[in-house]
Protein backbone atom coordinates (compact mmCIF):
# COMPACT_ATOMS: atom_id res chain seq x y z
CA MET A 1 -47.74 127.61 28.40
CA MET A 2 -44.25 126.76 29.42
CA GLN A 3 -44.20 130.75 30.78
CA LYS A 4 -46.80 129.69 33.13
CA ILE A 5 -45.33 126.73 34.41
CA ASN A 6 -42.30 128.56 35.09
CA LYS A 7 -44.29 131.23 37.05
CA ILE A 8 -46.09 128.77 38.84
CA THR A 9 -42.91 126.83 39.97
CA LYS A 10 -41.35 130.06 40.85
CA TRP A 11 -44.38 130.94 42.94
CA GLN A 12 -44.07 127.61 44.65
CA LYS A 13 -40.50 128.33 45.54
CA GLN A 14 -41.27 131.38 46.82
CA ALA A 15 -44.00 130.45 49.09
CA GLY A 16 -42.05 127.49 50.08
CA PHE A 17 -39.09 129.53 51.28
CA GLY A 18 -41.23 132.02 52.79
CA LEU A 19 -43.10 128.82 54.76
CA ASN A 20 -39.59 127.81 55.94
CA VAL A 21 -39.16 131.27 57.19
CA LEU A 22 -41.89 131.59 58.77
CA LEU A 23 -41.34 127.90 60.23
CA VAL A 24 -37.92 128.98 61.82
CA LEU A 25 -39.38 132.23 63.28
CA GLY A 26 -41.82 129.95 64.95
CA VAL A 27 -39.34 127.64 66.24
CA ILE A 28 -37.33 130.58 67.61
CA ALA A 29 -40.28 132.02 69.22
CA ALA A 30 -41.06 128.76 70.87
CA LEU A 31 -37.76 128.43 72.26
CA ASN A 32 -37.58 131.80 73.67
CA PHE A 33 -40.84 131.18 75.47
CA PHE A 34 -39.81 127.87 77.05
CA SER A 35 -36.34 129.01 77.83
CA TYR A 36 -37.99 131.69 79.99
CA GLN A 37 -40.14 128.75 81.91
CA LEU A 38 -37.35 126.53 82.44
CA PHE A 39 -34.08 127.20 83.51
CA HIS A 40 -30.78 125.26 82.73
CA ARG A 41 -27.04 126.00 82.44
CA PHE A 42 -24.62 124.42 80.31
CA ASP A 43 -21.49 124.21 82.31
CA LEU A 44 -18.41 122.14 80.91
CA THR A 45 -15.99 123.03 83.78
CA ASN A 46 -14.95 119.83 85.78
CA ASN A 47 -16.27 121.11 88.94
CA LYS A 48 -19.27 122.63 87.73
CA ASN A 49 -17.70 125.98 88.95
CA TYR A 50 -20.54 128.15 87.40
CA SER A 51 -23.60 126.01 88.35
CA LEU A 52 -25.03 125.60 91.88
CA SER A 53 -24.51 122.11 93.67
CA SER A 54 -27.38 120.01 94.29
CA ALA A 55 -26.97 120.88 97.77
CA SER A 56 -27.40 124.60 97.38
CA LYS A 57 -30.42 123.93 95.04
CA ASP A 58 -32.36 121.62 97.64
CA LEU A 59 -31.55 124.45 100.22
CA ALA A 60 -33.05 127.05 97.99
CA ARG A 61 -35.87 124.86 97.18
CA GLU A 62 -36.81 124.12 100.76
CA LEU A 63 -36.60 127.60 102.25
CA PRO A 64 -39.21 128.25 104.64
CA ASP A 65 -39.70 132.06 104.32
CA ILE A 66 -38.07 134.59 102.05
CA ILE A 67 -34.54 135.67 102.09
CA ASN A 68 -33.56 139.05 100.70
CA ILE A 69 -30.04 139.55 99.28
CA LYS A 70 -28.75 142.91 98.63
CA VAL A 71 -25.84 143.18 96.26
CA TYR A 72 -23.80 146.53 96.46
CA PHE A 73 -21.79 147.19 93.23
CA SER A 74 -20.49 150.37 92.19
CA GLY A 75 -21.02 151.80 88.88
CA ASN A 76 -17.22 152.72 88.71
CA LEU A 77 -15.72 149.12 89.23
CA PRO A 78 -12.44 148.65 87.37
CA SER A 79 -12.81 146.35 84.18
CA GLN A 80 -11.20 143.38 85.86
CA TYR A 81 -14.04 143.33 88.43
CA ILE A 82 -16.91 143.29 85.76
CA SER A 83 -16.50 139.73 85.26
CA LEU A 84 -16.53 138.99 88.97
CA LYS A 85 -19.98 141.00 89.16
CA GLN A 86 -21.16 138.94 86.04
CA GLU A 87 -20.32 135.77 87.74
CA VAL A 88 -21.65 136.71 91.28
CA LEU A 89 -25.09 137.92 89.60
CA ASP A 90 -25.32 134.68 87.42
CA LEU A 91 -24.98 132.51 90.35
CA LEU A 92 -27.76 134.53 92.44
CA ASP A 93 -29.74 134.08 89.49
CA GLU A 94 -29.86 130.49 89.79
CA TYR A 95 -30.53 130.82 93.40
CA GLN A 96 -33.60 132.74 92.78
CA ASN A 97 -34.69 130.59 90.09
CA TYR A 98 -34.51 127.24 92.24
CA SER A 99 -36.33 129.14 95.37
CA LYS A 100 -39.14 129.85 93.35
CA GLY A 101 -39.57 133.46 94.72
CA LYS A 102 -38.39 132.73 97.96
CA ILE A 103 -35.00 134.41 97.06
CA LYS A 104 -34.96 138.00 96.11
CA VAL A 105 -32.23 139.64 95.07
CA GLN A 106 -31.61 143.14 94.58
CA VAL A 107 -28.54 144.98 92.98
CA ILE A 108 -27.82 148.39 94.44
CA ASP A 109 -25.29 150.99 93.23
CA PRO A 110 -24.38 153.01 96.51
CA LEU A 111 -22.71 155.74 94.78
CA LYS A 112 -26.31 156.98 93.57
CA ASP A 113 -27.94 157.21 97.26
CA LYS A 114 -26.39 159.06 99.96
CA GLU A 115 -28.69 157.09 102.28
CA VAL A 116 -27.50 153.82 101.05
CA LEU A 117 -23.81 154.81 102.03
CA SER A 118 -24.65 155.47 105.49
CA GLU A 119 -26.60 152.32 105.53
CA LEU A 120 -23.43 150.16 104.20
CA ARG A 121 -21.13 152.39 107.06
CA SER A 122 -23.93 150.88 109.72
CA LYS A 123 -23.48 147.54 108.15
CA GLY A 124 -19.70 146.80 108.24
CA ILE A 125 -19.43 147.05 104.31
CA PRO A 126 -16.05 149.47 103.71
CA GLU A 127 -15.25 151.89 101.06
CA ILE A 128 -12.49 150.08 98.95
CA GLN A 129 -9.81 152.09 97.07
CA PHE A 130 -9.21 150.67 93.17
CA ASN A 131 -6.42 151.77 91.10
CA VAL A 132 -7.51 152.86 87.93
CA LEU A 133 -5.45 153.20 84.55
CA GLU A 134 -6.82 156.27 82.72
CA LYS A 135 -5.45 158.84 80.15
CA ASP A 136 -1.91 156.88 80.91
CA LYS A 137 -2.16 157.59 84.61
CA TYR A 138 -2.65 155.41 87.49
CA GLN A 139 -5.73 157.01 89.55
CA VAL A 140 -7.43 156.02 92.89
CA VAL A 141 -11.39 155.67 92.73
CA ASN A 142 -13.46 154.59 95.51
CA GLY A 143 -16.38 151.84 95.13
CA TYR A 144 -18.17 149.01 96.90
CA MET A 145 -18.55 145.36 96.38
CA GLY A 146 -20.58 143.95 99.43
CA MET A 147 -23.56 141.64 100.08
CA VAL A 148 -26.23 141.79 102.92
CA LEU A 149 -28.49 138.72 102.97
CA SER A 150 -31.45 139.46 105.58
CA TYR A 151 -33.97 136.74 106.97
CA GLY A 152 -36.69 138.07 108.98
CA ASP A 153 -34.52 140.34 111.95
CA LYS A 154 -31.53 138.14 111.37
CA SER A 155 -28.56 139.67 108.64
CA GLU A 156 -25.34 138.21 107.42
CA VAL A 157 -22.85 140.46 105.81
CA VAL A 158 -20.18 139.87 103.43
CA PRO A 159 -17.94 143.25 103.60
CA VAL A 160 -16.16 142.54 100.38
CA LEU A 161 -16.65 139.93 97.49
CA GLN A 162 -13.20 139.25 96.17
CA ASP A 163 -13.40 135.69 94.83
CA VAL A 164 -16.01 133.73 93.20
CA SER A 165 -14.62 130.51 93.69
CA ASN A 166 -16.06 130.05 97.30
CA PHE A 167 -19.07 132.66 96.54
CA GLU A 168 -21.39 129.61 96.75
CA TYR A 169 -20.21 128.28 99.65
CA LEU A 170 -20.49 131.55 101.18
CA VAL A 171 -24.08 131.89 100.28
CA SER A 172 -25.26 128.86 101.09
CA SER A 173 -23.77 128.43 104.61
CA ASP A 174 -24.90 131.95 105.39
CA ILE A 175 -28.43 130.81 104.53
CA LYS A 176 -27.89 128.04 106.66
CA LYS A 177 -27.01 129.98 109.82
CA LEU A 178 -29.78 132.30 109.01
CA THR A 179 -32.73 129.87 108.74
CA ALA A 180 -31.32 127.68 111.71
CA LYS A 181 -33.56 127.47 114.64
CA GLU A 182 -30.68 127.02 117.08
CA PRO A 183 -26.96 128.41 116.66
CA ILE A 184 -24.51 125.55 115.83
CA VAL A 185 -21.99 125.70 118.60
CA ILE A 186 -18.63 123.97 118.36
CA GLY A 187 -16.39 123.50 121.65
CA THR A 188 -12.56 124.18 121.39
CA LEU A 189 -10.85 122.54 124.45
CA ALA A 190 -8.31 125.02 126.20
CA GLY A 191 -5.34 124.01 128.76
CA HIS A 192 -3.38 120.77 128.70
CA GLY A 193 -1.09 122.08 126.38
CA THR A 194 -3.42 122.22 123.38
CA LEU A 195 -2.97 124.84 120.56
CA GLU A 196 -3.58 128.29 121.02
CA TRP A 197 -6.13 129.39 118.44
CA GLU A 198 -5.96 132.93 118.52
CA LYS A 199 -2.04 132.68 118.20
CA GLU A 200 -1.00 129.59 116.37
CA ALA A 201 -4.08 128.74 114.27
CA THR A 202 -5.38 132.13 113.54
CA LYS A 203 -6.95 131.09 110.08
CA ALA A 204 -8.43 127.85 111.16
CA ASP A 205 -10.05 129.69 114.00
CA LYS A 206 -11.19 132.35 111.87
CA ALA A 207 -12.78 129.63 109.19
CA LEU A 208 -14.24 127.78 112.16
CA LYS A 209 -16.16 131.19 113.68
CA GLU A 210 -17.24 132.14 109.89
CA LEU A 211 -19.78 129.20 110.14
CA TYR A 212 -20.02 128.30 113.89
CA GLN A 213 -20.45 129.75 117.29
CA VAL A 214 -17.38 128.55 119.05
CA GLN A 215 -17.11 128.03 122.73
CA VAL A 216 -14.05 127.53 124.83
CA VAL A 217 -14.14 124.53 127.33
CA ASP A 218 -11.32 124.57 130.19
CA LEU A 219 -12.11 121.02 132.04
CA LYS A 220 -9.95 122.54 134.83
CA THR A 221 -12.58 124.79 135.77
CA GLU A 222 -15.78 123.02 134.22
CA LYS A 223 -16.83 119.65 135.42
CA THR A 224 -19.22 118.80 132.57
CA ILE A 225 -19.36 119.84 128.70
CA PRO A 226 -22.42 121.60 127.78
CA SER A 227 -24.85 119.75 125.98
CA THR A 228 -25.46 122.82 123.72
CA ILE A 229 -22.14 121.85 122.12
CA LYS A 230 -22.54 120.06 119.16
CA ALA A 231 -19.00 118.83 118.68
CA LEU A 232 -15.98 119.07 120.86
CA VAL A 233 -12.32 119.84 119.54
CA ILE A 234 -9.29 118.59 121.15
CA ALA A 235 -6.26 119.89 119.10
CA GLY A 236 -2.70 119.30 119.96
CA PRO A 237 -3.00 118.58 123.92
CA LYS A 238 0.47 118.03 125.49
CA GLU A 239 -0.10 117.66 129.31
CA LYS A 240 -1.74 114.47 130.97
CA PHE A 241 -5.45 114.70 131.57
CA THR A 242 -7.06 113.50 134.92
CA LYS A 243 -9.54 110.44 135.24
CA ASP A 244 -12.33 113.09 135.72
CA GLU A 245 -11.44 114.98 132.83
CA LEU A 246 -11.72 111.97 130.81
CA LYS A 247 -14.65 111.08 132.27
CA ALA A 248 -16.51 114.37 131.46
CA ILE A 249 -15.32 113.89 127.62
CA ASP A 250 -16.60 110.18 127.64
CA LYS A 251 -20.05 112.01 129.25
CA PHE A 252 -20.34 114.34 126.37
CA VAL A 253 -19.84 111.42 123.76
CA MET A 254 -22.30 109.14 125.54
CA GLY A 255 -24.83 112.18 125.67
CA GLY A 256 -24.75 112.60 121.63
CA GLY A 257 -21.60 114.79 121.17
CA SER A 258 -19.18 114.78 118.52
CA LEU A 259 -15.76 114.61 118.98
CA LEU A 260 -12.69 115.27 117.11
CA LEU A 261 -9.40 114.37 118.13
CA LEU A 262 -6.16 116.07 116.38
CA VAL A 263 -3.51 114.39 118.70
CA ASP A 264 -0.04 113.75 118.27
CA GLY A 265 1.65 110.53 119.42
CA VAL A 266 4.93 112.23 119.80
CA LYS A 267 5.49 116.12 120.77
CA ILE A 268 7.99 118.32 118.81
CA ASP A 269 9.51 120.84 120.78
CA ASN A 270 11.85 123.74 119.58
CA GLY A 271 15.11 122.65 118.22
CA LEU A 272 13.46 119.48 116.61
CA SER A 273 13.86 117.59 119.92
CA ALA A 274 10.75 115.09 120.26
CA SER A 275 9.55 112.77 122.93
CA LYS A 276 6.52 110.53 123.41
CA ASN A 277 3.27 112.41 124.03
CA GLU A 278 1.97 110.88 127.38
CA LEU A 279 -1.57 112.22 127.66
CA GLY A 280 -3.36 109.51 129.64
CA MET A 281 -6.05 108.87 127.14
CA GLU A 282 -5.45 105.18 126.46
CA GLU A 283 -8.36 103.98 128.54
CA LEU A 284 -10.75 106.32 127.07
CA LEU A 285 -9.62 105.63 123.33
CA SER A 286 -8.96 101.79 124.19
CA GLY A 287 -12.87 102.03 125.03
CA TYR A 288 -13.78 103.39 121.46
CA GLY A 289 -11.57 100.79 120.21
CA VAL A 290 -8.97 103.48 118.88
CA THR A 291 -5.35 103.44 119.53
CA LEU A 292 -3.07 106.43 119.18
CA ASN A 293 0.37 104.87 118.22
CA LYS A 294 3.24 106.63 119.86
CA ASP A 295 5.49 106.59 116.97
CA LEU A 296 6.58 109.07 114.11
CA VAL A 297 5.47 107.83 110.24
CA LEU A 298 7.66 108.77 107.31
CA ASP A 299 6.85 108.00 103.93
CA VAL A 300 8.23 108.45 100.34
CA SER A 301 5.46 110.78 99.48
CA ALA A 302 6.50 113.65 101.52
CA GLY A 303 5.32 117.61 101.69
CA MET A 304 8.16 119.97 101.28
CA ALA A 305 9.68 121.31 104.24
CA SER A 306 11.99 124.54 104.88
CA PHE A 307 15.19 124.38 107.14
CA ASN A 308 17.85 127.02 107.98
CA GLN A 309 21.25 126.21 108.04
CA GLY A 310 23.31 129.22 109.05
CA PHE A 311 22.15 132.25 106.53
CA MET A 312 21.05 129.71 103.88
CA THR A 313 17.31 128.24 103.56
CA PHE A 314 16.84 125.42 101.87
CA ASN A 315 13.41 123.43 100.82
CA ILE A 316 13.14 119.62 100.68
CA GLU A 317 10.90 116.83 100.42
CA TYR A 318 10.97 115.48 104.10
CA PRO A 319 9.64 112.05 105.03
CA PHE A 320 8.62 113.08 108.39
CA TRP A 321 5.68 115.14 106.67
CA PRO A 322 3.62 112.34 104.90
CA LYS A 323 1.83 113.66 101.95
CA VAL A 324 -1.45 111.68 101.64
CA THR A 325 -2.86 111.65 98.03
CA ASN A 326 -3.88 108.19 97.05
CA GLY A 327 -4.56 107.23 100.36
CA LEU A 328 -7.65 109.62 100.96
CA ASP A 329 -10.82 107.51 101.15
CA LYS A 330 -12.85 108.60 97.88
CA SER A 331 -15.98 106.84 99.26
CA ASN A 332 -15.91 109.33 102.47
CA PRO A 333 -17.52 112.99 101.91
CA VAL A 334 -14.63 114.28 104.49
CA VAL A 335 -11.91 113.52 102.06
CA SER A 336 -13.57 112.14 98.71
CA ARG A 337 -13.18 115.34 96.69
CA LEU A 338 -9.72 116.71 98.45
CA GLN A 339 -6.51 116.16 96.42
CA SER A 340 -3.63 116.09 99.09
CA ILE A 341 -3.23 116.67 102.38
CA VAL A 342 0.17 116.80 104.21
CA LEU A 343 0.58 115.88 107.99
CA PRO A 344 3.69 117.09 109.44
CA TRP A 345 4.98 114.64 112.32
CA ALA A 346 2.08 112.52 112.28
CA SER A 347 1.58 109.51 114.39
CA SER A 348 -0.28 106.21 113.16
CA ILE A 349 -3.71 105.04 114.37
CA SER A 350 -5.11 101.60 114.78
CA ILE A 351 -8.82 100.65 115.08
CA SER A 352 -9.89 97.41 116.64
CA GLN A 353 -11.57 94.73 114.84
CA GLU A 354 -14.36 94.41 117.12
CA VAL A 355 -15.13 97.99 116.66
CA ALA A 356 -14.54 98.08 112.82
CA THR A 357 -17.03 95.06 112.38
CA GLN A 358 -19.70 96.74 114.50
CA ASN A 359 -19.84 100.16 113.36
CA GLN A 360 -18.94 102.44 110.17
CA VAL A 361 -15.18 103.19 110.40
CA ALA A 362 -13.81 105.12 107.54
CA TYR A 363 -9.88 105.06 107.18
CA LEU A 364 -9.77 108.66 106.03
CA ALA A 365 -6.24 109.11 105.34
CA LYS A 366 -3.46 106.53 104.80
CA THR A 367 0.08 106.75 103.64
CA THR A 368 1.50 104.68 100.65
CA ASN A 369 2.47 101.25 100.77
CA ARG A 370 6.41 102.34 101.13
CA ALA A 371 6.13 104.17 104.52
CA TRP A 372 7.86 103.09 107.87
CA HIS A 373 7.89 104.48 111.13
CA ALA A 374 10.10 105.54 113.95
CA THR A 375 9.13 104.00 117.45
CA SER A 376 11.98 105.52 119.54
CA ASN A 377 15.22 107.89 119.60
CA PHE A 378 13.73 110.34 117.23
CA ASN A 379 16.03 112.14 114.97
CA LEU A 380 14.16 114.75 113.00
CA ARG A 381 17.17 116.22 111.43
CA PRO A 382 16.39 116.19 107.59
CA ASP A 383 19.97 115.06 106.79
CA GLN A 384 19.89 112.20 109.23
CA VAL A 385 16.22 110.40 108.25
CA PRO A 386 16.26 107.34 109.28
CA THR A 387 15.95 104.77 106.72
CA ALA A 388 13.44 102.09 106.41
CA ASP A 389 13.98 98.33 107.62
CA SER A 390 10.71 97.38 106.27
CA ALA A 391 7.81 98.88 104.29
CA ASP A 392 4.11 99.36 105.29
CA GLN A 393 0.86 101.29 104.92
CA TYR A 394 -0.41 103.44 107.93
CA THR A 395 -3.61 104.90 109.24
CA LEU A 396 -3.21 108.61 109.89
CA ALA A 397 -6.62 109.55 110.26
CA ALA A 398 -9.99 107.63 110.83
CA ALA A 399 -13.58 108.14 111.68
CA VAL A 400 -15.73 105.96 113.81
CA GLN A 401 -19.69 106.32 113.44
CA GLY A 402 -22.34 104.22 115.27
CA LYS A 403 -22.43 102.49 118.67
CA LEU A 404 -19.91 103.02 121.24
CA LYS A 405 -19.75 102.08 124.95
CA SER A 406 -18.60 104.16 127.64
CA PRO A 407 -15.36 102.75 129.49
CA TYR A 408 -16.19 104.29 132.61
CA ASP A 409 -19.84 102.57 132.95
CA GLN A 410 -21.50 105.87 131.86
CA GLY A 411 -23.64 104.27 129.15
CA SER A 412 -23.60 103.62 125.62
CA THR A 413 -24.68 105.61 122.53
CA ASP A 414 -25.83 104.28 118.93
CA LYS A 415 -24.92 107.82 117.52
CA ALA A 416 -21.55 108.35 118.13
CA ARG A 417 -19.27 110.12 115.76
CA LEU A 418 -15.37 110.39 116.54
CA ILE A 419 -12.59 111.54 113.92
CA ILE A 420 -9.09 111.28 115.25
CA VAL A 421 -5.97 112.39 113.15
CA GLY A 422 -2.99 111.68 114.58
CA ASP A 423 -1.24 115.00 113.91
CA SER A 424 -2.38 118.70 115.24
CA ASP A 425 0.52 120.38 113.23
CA PHE A 426 -1.65 120.57 110.03
CA LEU A 427 -3.52 123.21 111.78
CA LYS A 428 -0.90 125.85 112.29
CA ASP A 429 -0.71 129.06 110.40
CA GLY A 430 2.25 128.20 108.46
CA LEU A 431 0.96 124.71 107.31
CA LEU A 432 -2.80 125.09 106.97
CA ASP A 433 -2.52 126.58 103.54
CA THR A 434 -0.47 123.13 102.52
CA GLY A 435 -2.32 120.96 100.07
CA ASP A 436 -6.05 120.76 101.14
CA ASN A 437 -5.22 120.83 104.82
CA LEU A 438 -7.61 123.83 105.16
CA ALA A 439 -10.72 122.19 103.56
CA PHE A 440 -9.60 119.19 105.33
CA PHE A 441 -10.03 120.37 108.63
CA GLN A 442 -13.36 122.45 107.77
CA ASN A 443 -15.03 119.17 106.24
CA MET A 444 -14.30 117.42 109.63
CA VAL A 445 -16.18 119.84 111.60
CA ASP A 446 -18.93 120.12 109.06
CA TYR A 447 -19.20 116.45 109.12
CA LEU A 448 -19.32 116.10 112.87
CA GLY A 449 -21.25 119.41 113.47
CA LEU A 450 -23.38 120.33 110.75
CA ASP A 451 -24.23 118.30 107.90
CA GLU A 452 -22.47 116.54 105.01
CA GLN A 453 -23.80 118.73 102.24
CA LEU A 454 -21.92 122.14 102.54
CA ILE A 455 -18.61 119.65 102.01
CA GLY A 456 -19.31 118.91 98.44
CA ILE A 457 -19.90 122.56 97.65
CA ARG A 458 -16.48 123.81 99.45
CA ALA A 459 -14.68 120.95 97.32
CA LYS A 460 -15.60 122.86 94.21
CA ALA A 461 -13.23 125.59 94.95
CA ILE A 462 -10.20 123.06 95.48
CA SER A 463 -7.81 123.97 92.63
CA SER A 464 -4.92 121.60 93.66
CA HIS A 465 -4.32 118.74 91.16
CA PRO A 466 -0.90 117.29 91.94
CA LEU A 467 0.85 114.53 89.71
CA LYS A 468 0.38 110.98 90.97
CA GLU A 469 3.60 110.00 93.13
CA GLN A 470 4.26 106.73 91.35
CA LEU A 471 5.13 108.83 88.30
CA SER A 472 8.76 108.41 87.44
CA ASP A 473 11.11 111.56 86.80
CA SER A 474 10.93 110.79 82.84
CA SER A 475 7.17 110.81 82.84
CA LYS A 476 6.95 114.03 84.88
CA ILE A 477 9.11 115.61 82.35
CA ALA A 478 6.95 114.49 79.42
CA ILE A 479 4.00 115.62 80.83
CA ARG A 480 5.58 119.03 81.54
CA TYR A 481 6.76 119.45 77.72
CA GLY A 482 3.92 117.93 76.60
CA ASN A 483 1.72 120.81 78.05
CA VAL A 484 4.09 123.42 76.99
CA PHE A 485 4.59 122.14 73.16
CA GLY A 486 1.79 119.40 72.66
CA ILE A 487 -0.89 121.96 71.17
CA THR A 488 1.46 123.66 68.89
CA LEU A 489 2.98 120.21 67.60
CA LEU A 490 -0.74 119.12 67.06
CA ALA A 491 -1.30 122.09 64.99
CA VAL A 492 1.64 122.11 63.05
CA GLY A 493 1.08 118.30 62.01
CA PHE A 494 -2.44 118.96 61.06
CA GLY A 495 -1.40 121.90 58.99
CA LEU A 496 1.38 119.82 57.47
CA TYR A 497 -0.93 116.87 57.02
CA ARG A 498 -3.53 119.39 55.02
CA TYR A 499 -0.68 120.72 53.12
CA TYR A 500 0.54 117.20 51.48
CA ALA A 501 -3.20 116.12 51.13
CA ARG A 502 -3.92 119.10 48.75
CA ARG A 503 -0.74 118.64 46.82
CA ARG A 504 -1.50 114.97 46.35
CA ASN A 505 -5.14 115.85 45.07
CA LYS A 506 -3.69 118.30 42.68
CA ARG A 507 -1.20 115.70 41.13
CA GLN A 508 -3.59 113.06 40.46
CA PRO A 509 -5.36 114.48 37.32
CA GLU A 510 -2.12 115.05 35.68
CA THR A 511 -1.10 111.22 36.43
CA GLU A 512 -4.40 110.20 34.72
C-alpha cells in the first residue's frame, strides 16, 4: 500500500514539474510573440543616447511617403568600428519601427558589388583607409562607412559616419530637409564690418549650411530683404547703418521675418584696443524695446583665455570672458539643455518693461550676481583687469517673441521673433568650440528658422558637465579624489565589513 502511495506521490511530483516546465515555455513563447509586436528599448543613459527622442519618433510617424535609407558598411571594418555600425543600425531600426513601414533601411557591403562602388563614387561617398593590426603588423585596408537618404527624386548624402553622438540629429534634420515643401533660407548680412563667415567663422558657416540654404544679403546693393528668407543673421557689424538700411531690416521684421542680432556694444581691435561700437541702431532697437549697452561685462565666472608674453604663452580665467552656467534660462529650449557658454568681451542688454509685460521675453543668458561692468577707458590687459566697485547681474542674451511695432511707421506684427546677444566673438573659429557655443548658435537659428524640436535632439550630444562655479576649492578637490578613490574605498570597506561579520558569527557558538 505504502509503495503505491509513494508511486502516486512521485508521479504527481513529476507531473507537476512537467507542468511547470510547460508553463515556463509557454510564457517565454508568449513573450517572444509580443516582443515582435511591441517595440521598446530600455536606455539607462542620462541623455537617452541610445534611444530616439520624441521629436524623431513623431517625425517618423508623420512621414508623408516612403524614405529609403541605404547604409554602406564594408565587411572588412576594423574591430573599433563594429560597435559604431551596431549603434547606427539599432537607431535606424527604431526609425523603421516608428515609421510603420515609411522608412526602409538597406545595409549594403559595397565591396561585394562593383556596380555599387561606381554608384558610391557618383554620390560622393569616399573610400576610407583604415589601419589594421594583423600578424603583429599594421596594414592599411580600404572600406566604406557612408549613408544615402532618398525621398522621391531628392537625396541627402552622409559621406562618412564617424560618430554616433549626433547621428539622430543628422538623420532627423536630413528627413526634414527632404520632406520640406520649400527649402528653408537663412540670410546672413554682409558689409558693415560684419563677420566674414568663410574666413573668421568657418565652423559656424559649415554648421549653418548643413541644414539651411544660406543667402547673403548686402543692403548696400539691395534695397529690400527677400521675403523668402526665414531669418536674418546680423553678426558682428562694426560700421554705422544708414536710416534706409535700418528701415529695410525693420520692414523685414514687420513682414514676419525673424532676426538674430549678434552685436558688440564695444568693438575690440588688434592689440586689445577697445572702443564703443557706433552702429546707429539705437532707434531701431529701442523701437523693439531693446537696448544694447556700450559696456564690457566682467564676471567671477570666467572662461579660460590664452595670452602671449614674449616667448611664453599662459592661460588664465579672464573676467572679460563671462562663462554662463547657472544663468542659462532652463525654461527656454534654446539654452535649457546647454551646460555652459562663454561670451568673450560681451556687452549687456536691457529690455524695456513695456515690451517685457506685453510679449514673451526670455533672458537666455545672465551672468552671476557677482559681475561688474566697464563703461569707459577699456583696459583689456589680463594683468590690469579693473576691479568691481559694485556687483550685479547682467543679461547677455535675450529673446523677444510676440507683438512689435515699427519705429519707422511701417506697421506692426504679432509674430515677431527676435534674439539679441551682446557678443559676436563667440562665433569665431577659435572660440566656437568653447563650452556649448556651437550648440547655442545652432539652437538660436533653429528656434528662429525651423522649429524647436530639433533643439532637443542636438542637446543629447552635449557632453560638457562643468562643476558649479560656487564650489570652493576644497569641495572641488574632494570631488576629484572621491571620483578617483571612492569606488575602491567602498569595495574595501564592504570587504572588511563582511570579513568581521563572518568572524563574529563563527565565534558566537563557542561563547554559547
